[in-house]
């Protein structure tokens, strides 16, 4: 199977990561995730990373289980503004303080697994 076929299958069939105790995500987010994955399938598979809209989907489901800690609530608010209030922003964020904080939070391994 060539790279494009694998990337296309991933874009169409890969599950959306959600909190296990609340596996529901709004349909609008599901549609936006699929559109982003289809438009960027080769890049996603090569870089093995998720987009902001996928992080938002996880945080939406996690926030239904328990209140989010401050740092995750800040990330949630940032992503909500970027993806819901400005929906045409389907590319990676520009270099900014908010984008840098996002990268730090999602690349560091927390000691606790609680949100």
Foldseek 3Di string as FASTA:
>chain_A
DDLVVVLQCCLPPPDQDAPPVQPDFDPVLVVLSSVLSNVCSSVCVVVVDGALSSLLRHLVRLCVVDNDPPLSVVSNVVSCCQCPVVVVPSDHDDDDPSSVSVVVVVVDDDPDPRD
